[in-house]
Protein backbone atom coordinates (compact mmCIF):
# COMPACT_ATOMS: atom_id res chain seq x y z
CA MET A 1 -0.26 -0.35 -0.40
CA LEU A 2 1.32 3.85 -0.89
CA LEU A 3 0.54 6.19 1.81
CA ALA A 4 0.14 9.52 0.44
CA ILE A 5 -0.06 12.62 2.20
CA ASP A 6 -1.53 16.35 1.11
CA ALA A 7 -0.41 18.71 3.91
CA GLY A 8 -2.13 21.74 3.61
CA ASN A 9 -2.43 25.18 4.99
CA THR A 10 -5.62 23.45 7.27
CA ASN A 11 -5.65 19.81 6.92
CA ILE A 12 -3.46 17.14 6.34
CA VAL A 13 -5.24 14.54 4.27
CA PHE A 14 -3.81 10.95 5.11
CA ALA A 15 -4.73 8.23 2.47
CA LEU A 16 -4.04 4.61 1.94
CA VAL A 17 -3.50 3.81 -1.28
CA ASP A 18 -3.62 1.01 -3.45
CA PRO A 19 -1.05 1.39 -6.32
CA ALA A 20 -2.64 -1.41 -8.60
CA SER A 21 -3.80 1.89 -10.91
CA GLY A 22 -6.38 1.10 -14.19
CA PRO A 23 -7.87 3.77 -16.47
CA GLU A 24 -10.88 3.78 -14.18
CA GLN A 25 -8.76 4.45 -11.15
CA PRO A 26 -5.89 6.46 -12.56
CA GLY A 27 -2.97 6.39 -9.49
CA GLY A 28 -4.55 3.43 -7.82
CA VAL A 29 -7.56 2.64 -5.46
CA ILE A 30 -7.95 4.70 -2.46
CA LYS A 31 -8.93 2.64 -0.09
CA ALA A 32 -9.40 4.82 3.23
CA ARG A 33 -8.51 8.72 3.59
CA TRP A 34 -8.22 10.36 6.96
CA ARG A 35 -7.90 14.12 7.71
CA ILE A 36 -6.64 16.50 11.05
CA ALA A 37 -5.72 19.91 11.11
CA THR A 38 -2.35 21.18 10.48
CA ASP A 39 0.08 21.88 13.24
CA PRO A 40 3.46 22.42 11.77
CA ARG A 41 4.58 21.76 16.11
CA ARG A 42 2.91 18.24 15.58
CA THR A 43 5.40 15.47 15.74
CA ALA A 44 6.12 12.46 14.00
CA ASP A 45 4.72 10.03 17.63
CA GLU A 46 1.72 11.54 17.69
CA TYR A 47 1.53 11.57 13.51
CA ALA A 48 2.59 7.29 14.69
CA VAL A 49 -0.24 7.30 17.32
CA TRP A 50 -3.17 8.79 15.35
CA LEU A 51 -2.63 7.08 11.77
CA HIS A 52 -1.58 3.25 13.65
CA GLN A 53 -5.80 3.47 15.41
CA LEU A 54 -6.83 4.67 11.94
CA LEU A 55 -5.65 1.59 10.32
CA GLN A 56 -6.64 -0.57 12.63
CA LEU A 57 -9.81 0.51 12.67
CA GLU A 58 -9.62 -0.14 8.59
CA GLY A 59 -8.26 -3.63 9.50
CA TYR A 60 -4.88 -2.25 8.14
CA ASP A 61 -1.46 -2.64 9.21
CA ARG A 62 1.52 -0.23 9.05
CA LYS A 63 3.53 -3.05 7.94
CA ASP A 64 0.88 -2.71 4.56
CA ILE A 65 2.21 0.65 4.17
CA GLU A 66 4.98 -0.16 1.46
CA ALA A 67 5.89 3.70 0.65
CA VAL A 68 5.05 7.17 1.29
CA ILE A 69 4.30 10.41 -0.75
CA VAL A 70 4.24 13.86 0.29
CA ALA A 71 2.77 17.09 -1.93
CA THR A 72 3.39 19.85 0.98
CA VAL A 73 2.39 24.12 0.87
CA VAL A 74 3.35 24.05 4.65
CA PRO A 75 7.41 23.57 4.48
CA ARG A 76 7.61 23.53 8.78
CA ALA A 77 5.15 20.94 8.19
CA LEU A 78 7.71 18.25 6.53
CA HIS A 79 10.14 17.45 8.62
CA ASN A 80 7.77 15.51 11.08
CA LEU A 81 6.04 14.02 8.09
CA GLU A 82 10.03 12.54 6.62
CA VAL A 83 10.45 11.33 10.62
CA LEU A 84 6.87 9.86 10.40
CA ALA A 85 7.69 7.98 7.03
CA GLN A 86 11.24 6.68 8.07
CA LYS A 87 11.08 5.78 12.10
CA TYR A 88 7.61 3.70 11.42
CA PHE A 89 7.26 2.54 7.94
CA GLY A 90 10.88 2.15 7.27
CA VAL A 91 10.60 4.36 4.73
CA ASP A 92 12.39 7.35 3.02
CA ALA A 93 8.87 10.15 2.52
CA LEU A 94 9.13 10.98 -1.19
CA ILE A 95 8.39 14.30 -1.93
CA ALA A 96 6.52 15.73 -4.93
CA GLY A 97 8.59 17.63 -6.88
CA ARG A 98 11.73 16.65 -5.77
CA PRO A 99 14.30 14.21 -6.82
CA PRO A 100 13.82 11.48 -7.96
CA VAL A 101 9.83 12.38 -7.86
CA ASP A 102 10.23 15.22 -10.30
CA TRP A 103 6.62 16.34 -11.59
CA GLY A 104 6.70 15.49 -15.54
CA ILE A 105 4.82 17.88 -16.65
CA THR A 106 5.85 21.53 -18.43
CA LEU A 107 5.27 24.47 -15.86
CA ASP A 108 5.24 26.61 -18.42
CA VAL A 109 5.82 30.10 -15.92
CA ASP A 110 6.97 32.73 -14.85
CA GLU A 111 8.61 31.18 -11.66
CA PRO A 112 7.88 27.35 -11.95
CA GLN A 113 9.61 27.04 -8.36
CA ASN A 114 6.91 28.39 -6.65
CA VAL A 115 4.30 26.63 -7.81
CA GLY A 116 1.83 25.09 -4.98
CA ALA A 117 2.95 21.10 -4.56
CA ASP A 118 -1.46 20.82 -4.47
CA ARG A 119 -1.83 22.38 -7.47
CA ALA A 120 1.14 21.03 -9.79
CA VAL A 121 -0.38 17.29 -8.76
CA ASN A 122 -4.38 18.45 -9.51
CA VAL A 123 -3.32 19.51 -12.56
CA ILE A 124 -1.39 16.42 -13.33
CA ALA A 125 -4.36 13.95 -12.11
CA ALA A 126 -6.89 16.40 -14.18
CA HIS A 127 -5.08 16.11 -17.12
CA ARG A 128 -4.89 12.39 -16.97
CA LEU A 129 -8.77 12.13 -16.37
CA HIS A 130 -10.32 14.47 -17.90
CA PRO A 131 -8.11 15.24 -21.66
CA GLY A 132 -7.84 18.78 -23.50
CA ASP A 133 -7.75 22.40 -21.86
CA LEU A 134 -8.86 22.42 -18.71
CA ILE A 135 -9.64 25.30 -15.67
CA VAL A 136 -8.86 23.66 -11.83
CA ILE A 137 -10.48 25.19 -9.18
CA ASP A 138 -9.13 24.08 -5.37
CA PHE A 139 -11.07 25.06 -2.76
CA GLY A 140 -9.33 25.32 -0.04
CA THR A 141 -6.74 28.03 2.57
CA ALA A 142 -7.93 29.70 -0.58
CA THR A 143 -9.85 29.47 -3.74
CA THR A 144 -7.47 28.75 -6.59
CA PHE A 145 -8.13 28.22 -10.54
CA ASP A 146 -5.77 26.97 -12.50
CA VAL A 147 -5.28 26.29 -16.04
CA VAL A 148 -3.78 22.73 -18.49
CA ASP A 149 -3.56 23.15 -21.84
CA TYR A 150 -4.62 19.67 -24.10
CA SER A 151 -1.34 18.39 -23.56
CA GLY A 152 -1.35 18.65 -19.91
CA ALA A 153 1.47 21.89 -18.86
CA TYR A 154 0.52 23.97 -16.29
CA LYS A 155 -0.18 27.62 -18.02
CA GLY A 156 -1.13 29.82 -14.81
CA GLY A 157 -3.47 30.51 -12.57
CA ILE A 158 -5.20 32.84 -10.12
CA ILE A 159 -5.15 32.62 -6.62
CA ALA A 160 -8.03 34.28 -4.64
CA PRO A 161 -8.68 34.47 -0.09
CA GLY A 162 -11.15 31.05 0.46
CA LEU A 163 -14.37 31.51 1.85
CA ASN A 164 -14.12 30.63 5.28
CA LEU A 165 -11.05 33.26 5.09
CA SER A 166 -13.28 35.25 3.64
CA LEU A 167 -15.96 34.18 6.18
CA ASP A 168 -13.53 35.08 8.93
CA ALA A 169 -12.22 38.78 7.84
CA LEU A 170 -15.76 39.94 7.57
CA VAL A 171 -16.61 38.16 11.22
CA GLY A 172 -13.81 39.57 13.04
CA ALA A 173 -13.96 43.37 11.35
CA ALA A 174 -17.37 43.87 12.23
CA ALA A 175 -18.07 44.09 15.71
CA LYS A 176 -21.47 43.77 16.02
CA LEU A 177 -21.86 40.71 12.98
CA PRO A 178 -22.37 36.85 13.71
CA ARG A 179 -20.38 33.82 13.07
CA ILE A 180 -22.54 32.17 10.61
CA ALA A 181 -22.55 28.64 8.75
CA ILE A 182 -21.77 28.87 6.27
CA GLU A 183 -24.02 26.50 3.21
CA ALA A 184 -25.88 26.37 0.27
CA PRO A 185 -29.14 29.11 0.47
CA GLU A 186 -32.02 27.15 -0.06
CA LYS A 187 -33.38 29.86 -2.19
CA SER A 188 -32.10 32.09 -4.86
CA SER A 189 -33.18 35.43 -3.68
CA VAL A 190 -30.69 37.73 -3.28
CA ILE A 191 -32.69 40.07 -1.13
CA GLY A 192 -31.83 38.73 2.61
CA ARG A 193 -34.21 40.06 5.30
CA THR A 194 -32.32 39.34 8.16
CA THR A 195 -29.26 40.01 9.37
CA ALA A 196 -27.53 36.02 9.19
CA ASP A 197 -29.01 35.91 4.93
CA GLN A 198 -27.41 39.19 4.55
CA MET A 199 -23.68 37.68 5.29
CA LEU A 200 -24.87 34.17 3.62
CA ILE A 201 -26.03 35.66 0.42
CA GLY A 202 -23.20 37.41 0.21
CA ILE A 203 -20.23 35.36 1.50
CA TYR A 204 -22.05 32.62 -1.06
CA PHE A 205 -23.67 34.73 -4.17
CA GLY A 206 -20.49 36.84 -4.29
CA TYR A 207 -18.89 34.29 -4.46
CA VAL A 208 -20.68 32.32 -6.66
CA SER A 209 -20.40 35.77 -9.32
CA MET A 210 -16.25 35.59 -8.67
CA ILE A 211 -16.15 31.87 -9.94
CA GLU A 212 -18.49 33.03 -12.51
CA GLY A 213 -16.81 35.93 -13.51
CA LEU A 214 -12.87 34.21 -13.59
CA VAL A 215 -13.99 31.19 -15.14
CA ALA A 216 -15.67 33.58 -17.98
CA ARG A 217 -12.44 35.73 -18.39
CA MET A 218 -10.13 32.36 -18.08
CA LYS A 219 -11.75 31.07 -21.14
CA ALA A 220 -12.25 34.12 -23.25
CA GLU A 221 -7.68 34.37 -22.75
CA VAL A 222 -7.69 30.90 -23.58
CA GLY A 223 -9.14 30.85 -26.59
CA ARG A 224 -10.51 27.20 -27.10
CA PRO A 225 -13.54 25.10 -25.32
CA ALA A 226 -12.09 24.60 -21.44
CA LYS A 227 -13.75 21.91 -19.27
CA VAL A 228 -14.26 23.54 -15.64
CA ILE A 229 -13.12 20.35 -12.47
CA ALA A 230 -13.59 20.78 -9.08
CA THR A 231 -12.30 20.31 -5.94
CA GLY A 232 -11.78 20.79 -2.38
CA GLY A 233 -13.98 20.40 0.09
CA LEU A 234 -16.35 23.16 -0.74
CA ALA A 235 -16.52 22.00 -3.93
CA THR A 236 -20.06 20.57 -3.23
CA LEU A 237 -20.99 23.17 -1.82
CA PHE A 238 -21.61 25.66 -5.07
CA GLU A 239 -22.89 22.55 -7.25
CA ARG A 240 -26.57 23.38 -6.68
CA HIS A 241 -25.95 27.49 -7.96
CA VAL A 242 -23.01 27.12 -10.29
CA LYS A 243 -23.49 25.14 -13.70
CA LEU A 244 -20.14 26.00 -14.41
CA PHE A 245 -18.51 21.82 -13.21
CA ASP A 246 -18.15 19.71 -15.84
CA SER A 247 -17.21 17.47 -12.76
CA ILE A 248 -16.29 17.26 -9.44
CA GLU A 249 -13.14 15.27 -8.79
CA PRO A 250 -12.87 14.66 -4.32
CA ASP A 251 -9.77 13.15 -4.39
CA LEU A 252 -8.21 14.71 -7.03
CA THR A 253 -4.94 15.18 -4.81
CA ILE A 254 -4.25 11.72 -4.45
CA GLN A 255 -4.96 10.83 -7.46
CA GLY A 256 -2.43 12.74 -8.32
CA LEU A 257 -0.45 11.46 -5.72
CA GLY A 258 -0.70 8.48 -6.97
CA LEU A 259 -0.29 9.14 -10.33
CA MET A 260 3.66 10.14 -9.57
CA TYR A 261 4.19 7.05 -7.78
CA ASP A 262 3.52 4.97 -10.36
CA ARG A 263 5.58 7.38 -12.91
CA TYR A 264 8.62 6.71 -10.42
CA LYS A 265 8.07 3.36 -9.92
CA ALA A 266 8.11 3.20 -14.17
CA VAL A 267 11.27 4.54 -13.68
CA LYS A 268 12.63 3.23 -10.48
């Protein structure tokens, strides 16, 4: 089994992947996935105790893990994840984007060294799943829009504040505004009758308008038909009111890590 780790700014996702891949399961079959809040101070020992219990609940043992691959946008969290792989699984963690696990795609931007690992991994999986020109939207701590051309090359994109980040900023700066839960409004009206309704409309439909506007501008600039692929924990939240998504791929980053591991094994 492969332990694929996606270390983001808010959460770290651990996924147990059977690397036997086929045309319908690019990157392998995801057997289990677990999520924990990102904390760079969390030690390898803490990760190990937590993971050991979860593996047992799913009927697996740590000896079943033969490789570990990590994509991270939190450099301070990487060391303890590497120690986790060495100390408890007896392997050196493979780091996405570092030798011997290079991207295998062209990062056709001015600062390729600064492209987030999660975005590059998403591009790899999206291109494998959906040939042609793509716009990949990842709803995470930040909301990112990435353009992938028909050859699989990453051409650039957009970084916008994430939905929860925007709400936190609003509530934190306005003393009398309540903290509300983010959800898809039941009604399509954009005229709220209560303070909470008005906040939800502003955050939710404001975000819908941003998505629609940015995607329209990106498609016009690409100049060719482009599919829109959504991923990230909040992607399904917009499915009801946004008709732009051609597909929602909740496990895109993990699938990309699985594909990178497949490629590593093939050239090893």
